[in-house]
Amino acid sequence: MRTIMVINAKGGCGKSTLATNIAGYFASNWDAVTSLADYDPQASSLDWLARRPPERDKIHGVDAHKHGLTHLDRNTDFLIIDAPARSHGSELTQMVRHAETIIVPVLPSPIDIGAAAKFVTELLDVGKVERREVKVAVVANRVRENLLIYEELEKFLDTLKVPVIATLRDTQNYIRAYSRGLGIHELAEYLSWPDQEQWEPLVEWLESRRSRPT
């Protein structure tokens, strides 16, 4: 089973947006069983899943906040985990045990950059990550390149010891997709092609051996 976790201790950084769109991509592009486990008490990913049209490729939802992964479909090929905010210490260690690939979304704001710096530092000290039994990457999320803060974000990302896989723009397309229970790759191409292009490096990384521990 391929396990991909989206995590950041800072709330509001777009974890659910990334998790739902990754789940939507694998469900619609791979002939595989896809599950989405939501550990967040707000259950944003499960809310998205409840909006998903029945004619779309099925994604199995798991209320991991209440049940952990005990209700996971045993036939799952791709498990996408929407981790809770404020994961630190032993809770963070426990969460990391479930993952082989971790994606950390970071927003271009001074508060988020500072919080992400502390979180990534803590994450890299987790035993499983330190032993390279899990791969970690960063995604710059909701970016407006014409803002000065983007330069600060770029400088911060350059200092990290983990790869920056993709930069995703701030666009209403993600809201459109969420409200319909769809991923960005499931929207009409004429509407979402710029965003699908921005996702290409992330998708290619997730599909490659580079995103999995050796």
C-alpha atoms as a PDB file:
ATOM      1  CA  MET A   1       0.000   0.000   0.000  1.00  0.00           C
ATOM      2  CA  ARG A   2       1.338   3.410  -1.016  1.00  0.00           C
ATOM      3  CA  THR A   3       0.975   5.880   1.871  1.00  0.00           C
ATOM      4  CA  ILE A   4       1.229   9.654   1.379  1.00  0.00           C
ATOM      5  CA  MET A   5       0.769  12.034   4.302  1.00  0.00           C
ATOM      6  CA  VAL A   6       0.118  15.788   4.149  1.00  0.00           C
ATOM      7  CA  ILE A   7       1.159  17.415   7.409  1.00  0.00           C
ATOM      8  CA  ASN A   8       2.099  20.710   9.017  1.00  0.00           C
ATOM      9  CA  ALA A   9       1.641  21.721  12.648  1.00  0.00           C
ATOM     10  CA  LYS A  10       0.335  25.123  11.491  1.00  0.00           C
ATOM     11  CA  GLY A  11      -3.378  25.170  10.738  1.00  0.00           C
ATOM     12  CA  GLY A  12      -4.818  26.817   7.653  1.00  0.00           C
ATOM     13  CA  CYS A  13      -1.886  26.042   5.354  1.00  0.00           C
ATOM     14  CA  GLY A  14      -3.890  23.981   2.851  1.00  0.00           C
ATOM     15  CA  LYS A  15      -3.342  20.423   4.084  1.00  0.00           C
ATOM     16  CA  SER A  16      -6.872  19.333   3.183  1.00  0.00           C
ATOM     17  CA  THR A  17      -6.646  21.012  -0.216  1.00  0.00           C
ATOM     18  CA  LEU A  18      -3.494  19.073  -1.047  1.00  0.00           C
ATOM     19  CA  ALA A  19      -4.765  15.798   0.422  1.00  0.00           C
ATOM     20  CA  THR A  20      -8.072  15.881  -1.458  1.00  0.00           C
ATOM     21  CA  ASN A  21      -6.431  16.826  -4.730  1.00  0.00           C
ATOM     22  CA  ILE A  22      -3.835  14.066  -4.404  1.00  0.00           C
ATOM     23  CA  ALA A  23      -6.609  11.572  -3.652  1.00  0.00           C
ATOM     24  CA  GLY A  24      -8.621  12.848  -6.609  1.00  0.00           C
ATOM     25  CA  TYR A  25      -5.609  12.494  -8.892  1.00  0.00           C
ATOM     26  CA  PHE A  26      -4.865   8.880  -8.005  1.00  0.00           C
ATOM     27  CA  ALA A  27      -8.534   7.911  -8.027  1.00  0.00           C
ATOM     28  CA  SER A  28      -9.097   9.346 -11.499  1.00  0.00           C
ATOM     29  CA  ASN A  29      -5.753   8.484 -13.121  1.00  0.00           C
ATOM     30  CA  TRP A  30      -4.867   5.078 -11.676  1.00  0.00           C
ATOM     31  CA  ASP A  31      -6.824   1.853 -11.808  1.00  0.00           C
ATOM     32  CA  ALA A  32      -6.375   1.431  -8.061  1.00  0.00           C
ATOM     33  CA  VAL A  33      -8.289   1.550  -4.790  1.00  0.00           C
ATOM     34  CA  THR A  34      -7.803   4.988  -3.202  1.00  0.00           C
ATOM     35  CA  SER A  35      -8.554   5.851   0.440  1.00  0.00           C
ATOM     36  CA  LEU A  36      -8.542   9.242   2.165  1.00  0.00           C
ATOM     37  CA  ALA A  37      -7.959   9.249   5.938  1.00  0.00           C
ATOM     38  CA  ASP A  38      -8.919  12.461   7.741  1.00  0.00           C
ATOM     39  CA  TYR A  39      -7.303  12.959  11.160  1.00  0.00           C
ATOM     40  CA  ASP A  40      -8.394  16.596  11.431  1.00  0.00           C
ATOM     41  CA  PRO A  41     -11.272  17.250  13.886  1.00  0.00           C
ATOM     42  CA  GLN A  42     -12.751  19.707  11.364  1.00  0.00           C
ATOM     43  CA  ALA A  43     -13.068  16.816   8.877  1.00  0.00           C
ATOM     44  CA  SER A  44     -12.581  19.058   5.827  1.00  0.00           C
ATOM     45  CA  SER A  45     -11.415  16.157   3.677  1.00  0.00           C
ATOM     46  CA  LEU A  46     -14.429  14.040   4.618  1.00  0.00           C
ATOM     47  CA  ASP A  47     -16.691  17.019   3.880  1.00  0.00           C
ATOM     48  CA  TRP A  48     -15.108  17.220   0.406  1.00  0.00           C
ATOM     49  CA  LEU A  49     -15.651  13.504  -0.033  1.00  0.00           C
ATOM     50  CA  ALA A  50     -19.335  13.840   0.911  1.00  0.00           C
ATOM     51  CA  ARG A  51     -19.702  16.325  -1.967  1.00  0.00           C
ATOM     52  CA  ARG A  52     -18.131  13.962  -4.500  1.00  0.00           C
ATOM     53  CA  PRO A  53     -20.518  12.955  -7.323  1.00  0.00           C
ATOM     54  CA  PRO A  54     -21.361   9.221  -7.292  1.00  0.00           C
ATOM     55  CA  GLU A  55     -20.406   8.865 -10.961  1.00  0.00           C
ATOM     56  CA  ARG A  56     -16.800   9.891 -10.239  1.00  0.00           C
ATOM     57  CA  ASP A  57     -14.070   7.388  -9.383  1.00  0.00           C
ATOM     58  CA  LYS A  58     -14.691   6.161  -5.852  1.00  0.00           C
ATOM     59  CA  ILE A  59     -12.550   7.261  -2.930  1.00  0.00           C
ATOM     60  CA  HIS A  60     -12.960   5.477   0.391  1.00  0.00           C
ATOM     61  CA  GLY A  61     -13.235   7.861   3.332  1.00  0.00           C
ATOM     62  CA  VAL A  62     -11.827   7.067   6.776  1.00  0.00           C
ATOM     63  CA  ASP A  63     -12.704   9.114   9.876  1.00  0.00           C
ATOM     64  CA  ALA A  64      -9.240   8.687  11.352  1.00  0.00           C
ATOM     65  CA  HIS A  65      -9.860  11.338  14.018  1.00  0.00           C
ATOM     66  CA  LYS A  66     -12.364   8.969  15.656  1.00  0.00           C
ATOM     67  CA  HIS A  67     -11.167   5.536  14.570  1.00  0.00           C
ATOM     68  CA  GLY A  68      -7.554   5.846  13.445  1.00  0.00           C
ATOM     69  CA  LEU A  69      -6.925   3.554  10.508  1.00  0.00           C
ATOM     70  CA  THR A  70      -8.958   0.656  11.896  1.00  0.00           C
ATOM     71  CA  HIS A  71     -11.721   1.191   9.294  1.00  0.00           C
ATOM     72  CA  LEU A  72      -9.325   1.309   6.349  1.00  0.00           C
ATOM     73  CA  ASP A  73     -10.282  -0.736   3.289  1.00  0.00           C
ATOM     74  CA  ARG A  74      -7.838  -3.655   3.236  1.00  0.00           C
ATOM     75  CA  ASN A  75      -7.682  -3.511  -0.571  1.00  0.00           C
ATOM     76  CA  THR A  76      -6.356   0.049  -0.538  1.00  0.00           C
ATOM     77  CA  ASP A  77      -3.580   0.712  -3.050  1.00  0.00           C
ATOM     78  CA  PHE A  78      -3.145   4.442  -2.316  1.00  0.00           C
ATOM     79  CA  LEU A  79      -3.737   5.863   1.165  1.00  0.00           C
ATOM     80  CA  ILE A  80      -3.731   9.658   1.446  1.00  0.00           C
ATOM     81  CA  ILE A  81      -3.593  10.961   5.023  1.00  0.00           C
ATOM     82  CA  ASP A  82      -4.791  14.449   5.992  1.00  0.00           C
ATOM     83  CA  ALA A  83      -2.902  14.871   9.278  1.00  0.00           C
ATOM     84  CA  PRO A  84      -4.125  17.046  12.159  1.00  0.00           C
ATOM     85  CA  ALA A  85      -2.708  20.464  12.956  1.00  0.00           C
ATOM     86  CA  ARG A  86      -0.607  20.991  16.080  1.00  0.00           C
ATOM     87  CA  SER A  87       1.175  17.647  15.746  1.00  0.00           C
ATOM     88  CA  HIS A  88       4.299  17.761  17.905  1.00  0.00           C
ATOM     89  CA  GLY A  89       6.419  15.479  20.035  1.00  0.00           C
ATOM     90  CA  SER A  90       5.152  11.944  20.522  1.00  0.00           C
ATOM     91  CA  GLU A  91       2.007  12.637  18.480  1.00  0.00           C
ATOM     92  CA  LEU A  92       4.142  13.680  15.513  1.00  0.00           C
ATOM     93  CA  THR A  93       6.284  10.552  15.903  1.00  0.00           C
ATOM     94  CA  GLN A  94       3.144   8.407  15.921  1.00  0.00           C
ATOM     95  CA  MET A  95       1.782  10.092  12.790  1.00  0.00           C
ATOM     96  CA  VAL A  96       5.044   9.693  10.889  1.00  0.00           C
ATOM     97  CA  ARG A  97       4.977   5.934  11.550  1.00  0.00           C
ATOM     98  CA  HIS A  98       2.042   5.661   9.134  1.00  0.00           C
ATOM     99  CA  ALA A  99       3.826   7.348   6.212  1.00  0.00           C
ATOM    100  CA  GLU A 100       6.387   6.538   3.570  1.00  0.00           C
ATOM    101  CA  THR A 101       6.018   9.933   1.852  1.00  0.00           C
ATOM    102  CA  ILE A 102       5.360  13.265   3.601  1.00  0.00           C
ATOM    103  CA  ILE A 103       4.353  16.539   1.996  1.00  0.00           C
ATOM    104  CA  VAL A 104       4.538  19.785   3.997  1.00  0.00           C
ATOM    105  CA  PRO A 105       2.533  22.710   2.570  1.00  0.00           C
ATOM    106  CA  VAL A 106       3.868  26.177   3.375  1.00  0.00           C
ATOM    107  CA  LEU A 107       2.082  29.507   2.865  1.00  0.00           C
ATOM    108  CA  PRO A 108       3.901  32.727   1.886  1.00  0.00           C
ATOM    109  CA  SER A 109       3.405  34.714   5.110  1.00  0.00           C
ATOM    110  CA  PRO A 110       5.893  35.611   7.874  1.00  0.00           C
ATOM    111  CA  ILE A 111       3.888  33.665  10.469  1.00  0.00           C
ATOM    112  CA  ASP A 112       3.640  30.559   8.300  1.00  0.00           C
ATOM    113  CA  ILE A 113       7.271  30.681   7.235  1.00  0.00           C
ATOM    114  CA  GLY A 114       8.430  30.896  10.857  1.00  0.00           C
ATOM    115  CA  ALA A 115       6.102  28.092  11.941  1.00  0.00           C
ATOM    116  CA  ALA A 116       7.156  25.902   9.012  1.00  0.00           C
ATOM    117  CA  ALA A 117      10.842  26.390   9.829  1.00  0.00           C
ATOM    118  CA  LYS A 118      10.289  25.082  13.363  1.00  0.00           C
ATOM    119  CA  PHE A 119       8.061  22.239  12.206  1.00  0.00           C
ATOM    120  CA  VAL A 120      10.398  20.991   9.477  1.00  0.00           C
ATOM    121  CA  THR A 121      13.309  21.090  11.939  1.00  0.00           C
ATOM    122  CA  GLU A 122      11.303  18.956  14.391  1.00  0.00           C
ATOM    123  CA  LEU A 123      10.143  16.639  11.617  1.00  0.00           C
ATOM    124  CA  LEU A 124      13.685  15.978  10.443  1.00  0.00           C
ATOM    125  CA  ASP A 125      14.592  14.886  13.982  1.00  0.00           C
ATOM    126  CA  VAL A 126      11.894  12.194  14.081  1.00  0.00           C
ATOM    127  CA  GLY A 127      13.637   8.827  14.095  1.00  0.00           C
ATOM    128  CA  LYS A 128      11.929   7.397  11.013  1.00  0.00           C
ATOM    129  CA  VAL A 129      12.764  10.534   8.995  1.00  0.00           C
ATOM    130  CA  GLU A 130      16.297  10.701  10.379  1.00  0.00           C
ATOM    131  CA  ARG A 131      16.857   7.091   9.310  1.00  0.00           C
ATOM    132  CA  ARG A 132      15.559   7.989   5.835  1.00  0.00           C
ATOM    133  CA  GLU A 133      12.703   5.512   6.116  1.00  0.00           C
ATOM    134  CA  VAL A 134      10.335   8.201   4.858  1.00  0.00           C
ATOM    135  CA  LYS A 135      10.775  10.857   2.167  1.00  0.00           C
ATOM    136  CA  VAL A 136       9.840  14.490   2.887  1.00  0.00           C
ATOM    137  CA  ALA A 137       9.120  17.332   0.476  1.00  0.00           C
ATOM    138  CA  VAL A 138       7.704  20.858   0.681  1.00  0.00           C
ATOM    139  CA  VAL A 139       5.021  22.460  -1.480  1.00  0.00           C
ATOM    140  CA  ALA A 140       4.725  26.257  -1.597  1.00  0.00           C
ATOM    141  CA  ASN A 141       0.979  26.819  -1.450  1.00  0.00           C
ATOM    142  CA  ARG A 142      -1.363  29.704  -2.386  1.00  0.00           C
ATOM    143  CA  VAL A 143       1.476  31.723  -3.860  1.00  0.00           C
ATOM    144  CA  ARG A 144       1.131  35.101  -5.541  1.00  0.00           C
ATOM    145  CA  GLU A 145       4.462  35.665  -7.225  1.00  0.00           C
ATOM    146  CA  ASN A 146       3.990  39.415  -7.575  1.00  0.00           C
ATOM    147  CA  LEU A 147       4.010  39.919  -3.784  1.00  0.00           C
ATOM    148  CA  LEU A 148       7.221  40.775  -1.921  1.00  0.00           C
ATOM    149  CA  ILE A 149       6.599  38.024   0.621  1.00  0.00           C
ATOM    150  CA  TYR A 150       7.128  35.476  -2.167  1.00  0.00           C
ATOM    151  CA  GLU A 151      10.809  36.466  -2.257  1.00  0.00           C
ATOM    152  CA  GLU A 152      11.035  35.811   1.487  1.00  0.00           C
ATOM    153  CA  LEU A 153       9.355  32.449   0.992  1.00  0.00           C
ATOM    154  CA  GLU A 154      11.821  31.554  -1.772  1.00  0.00           C
ATOM    155  CA  LYS A 155      14.764  32.428   0.484  1.00  0.00           C
ATOM    156  CA  PHE A 156      13.334  30.307   3.293  1.00  0.00           C
ATOM    157  CA  LEU A 157      12.709  27.334   1.022  1.00  0.00           C
ATOM    158  CA  ASP A 158      16.287  27.505  -0.226  1.00  0.00           C
ATOM    159  CA  THR A 159      17.534  26.987   3.352  1.00  0.00           C
ATOM    160  CA  LEU A 160      15.610  23.754   3.915  1.00  0.00           C
ATOM    161  CA  LYS A 161      17.237  20.343   3.860  1.00  0.00           C
ATOM    162  CA  VAL A 162      14.257  18.904   1.975  1.00  0.00           C
ATOM    163  CA  PRO A 163      13.293  19.400  -1.685  1.00  0.00           C
ATOM    164  CA  VAL A 164      10.692  21.950  -2.739  1.00  0.00           C
ATOM    165  CA  ILE A 165       8.645  19.944  -5.210  1.00  0.00           C
ATOM    166  CA  ALA A 166       6.051  22.411  -6.476  1.00  0.00           C
ATOM    167  CA  THR A 167       4.722  25.946  -6.227  1.00  0.00           C
ATOM    168  CA  LEU A 168       0.940  26.254  -6.428  1.00  0.00           C
ATOM    169  CA  ARG A 169      -0.777  29.551  -7.165  1.00  0.00           C
ATOM    170  CA  ASP A 170      -3.597  31.166  -5.218  1.00  0.00           C
ATOM    171  CA  THR A 171      -6.687  30.572  -7.370  1.00  0.00           C
ATOM    172  CA  GLN A 172     -10.450  30.128  -7.074  1.00  0.00           C
ATOM    173  CA  ASN A 173     -10.157  26.837  -8.968  1.00  0.00           C
ATOM    174  CA  TYR A 174      -9.383  25.012  -5.719  1.00  0.00           C
ATOM    175  CA  ILE A 175     -12.555  26.395  -4.153  1.00  0.00           C
ATOM    176  CA  ARG A 176     -14.548  25.397  -7.247  1.00  0.00           C
ATOM    177  CA  ALA A 177     -13.117  21.903  -7.117  1.00  0.00           C
ATOM    178  CA  TYR A 178     -13.691  21.500  -3.367  1.00  0.00           C
ATOM    179  CA  SER A 179     -17.316  22.630  -3.524  1.00  0.00           C
ATOM    180  CA  ARG A 180     -17.997  19.941  -6.148  1.00  0.00           C
ATOM    181  CA  GLY A 181     -16.036  17.142  -4.487  1.00  0.00           C
ATOM    182  CA  LEU A 182     -13.492  17.132  -7.311  1.00  0.00           C
ATOM    183  CA  GLY A 183      -9.743  17.421  -7.641  1.00  0.00           C
ATOM    184  CA  ILE A 184      -8.029  20.046  -9.764  1.00  0.00           C
ATOM    185  CA  HIS A 185      -7.310  17.360 -12.385  1.00  0.00           C
ATOM    186  CA  GLU A 186     -11.012  16.581 -12.631  1.00  0.00           C
ATOM    187  CA  LEU A 187     -12.078  20.099 -13.554  1.00  0.00           C
ATOM    188  CA  ALA A 188     -12.523  21.042 -17.207  1.00  0.00           C
ATOM    189  CA  GLU A 189      -9.097  21.407 -18.815  1.00  0.00           C
ATOM    190  CA  TYR A 190      -9.877  24.834 -20.303  1.00  0.00           C
ATOM    191  CA  LEU A 191     -10.472  26.066 -16.750  1.00  0.00           C
ATOM    192  CA  SER A 192      -7.715  24.328 -14.799  1.00  0.00           C
ATOM    193  CA  TRP A 193      -4.814  23.779 -17.228  1.00  0.00           C
ATOM    194  CA  PRO A 194      -2.513  26.361 -15.506  1.00  0.00           C
ATOM    195  CA  ASP A 195      -2.978  24.562 -12.206  1.00  0.00           C
ATOM    196  CA  GLN A 196      -2.540  21.121 -13.716  1.00  0.00           C
ATOM    197  CA  GLU A 197       0.772  22.331 -15.135  1.00  0.00           C
ATOM    198  CA  GLN A 198       1.875  23.484 -11.678  1.00  0.00           C
ATOM    199  CA  TRP A 199       0.986  20.058 -10.300  1.00  0.00           C
ATOM    200  CA  GLU A 200       3.126  18.193 -12.835  1.00  0.00           C
ATOM    201  CA  PRO A 201       6.375  18.266 -10.762  1.00  0.00           C
ATOM    202  CA  LEU A 202       4.509  17.058  -7.669  1.00  0.00           C
ATOM    203  CA  VAL A 203       2.694  14.300  -9.557  1.00  0.00           C
ATOM    204  CA  GLU A 204       5.889  13.151 -11.264  1.00  0.00           C
ATOM    205  CA  TRP A 205       7.689  13.049  -7.910  1.00  0.00           C
ATOM    206  CA  LEU A 206       4.891  11.091  -6.218  1.00  0.00           C
ATOM    207  CA  GLU A 207       4.835   8.583  -9.074  1.00  0.00           C
ATOM    208  CA  SER A 208       8.611   8.098  -9.018  1.00  0.00           C
ATOM    209  CA  ARG A 209      10.899   6.096  -6.779  1.00  0.00           C
ATOM    210  CA  ARG A 210      12.396   9.374  -5.568  1.00  0.00           C
ATOM    211  CA  SER A 211       9.407   9.897  -3.283  1.00  0.00           C
ATOM    212  CA  ARG A 212       9.755   6.513  -1.599  1.00  0.00           C
ATOM    213  CA  PRO A 213      12.375   5.274   0.861  1.00  0.00           C
ATOM    214  CA  THR A 214      14.962   2.970  -0.698  1.00  0.00           C
END
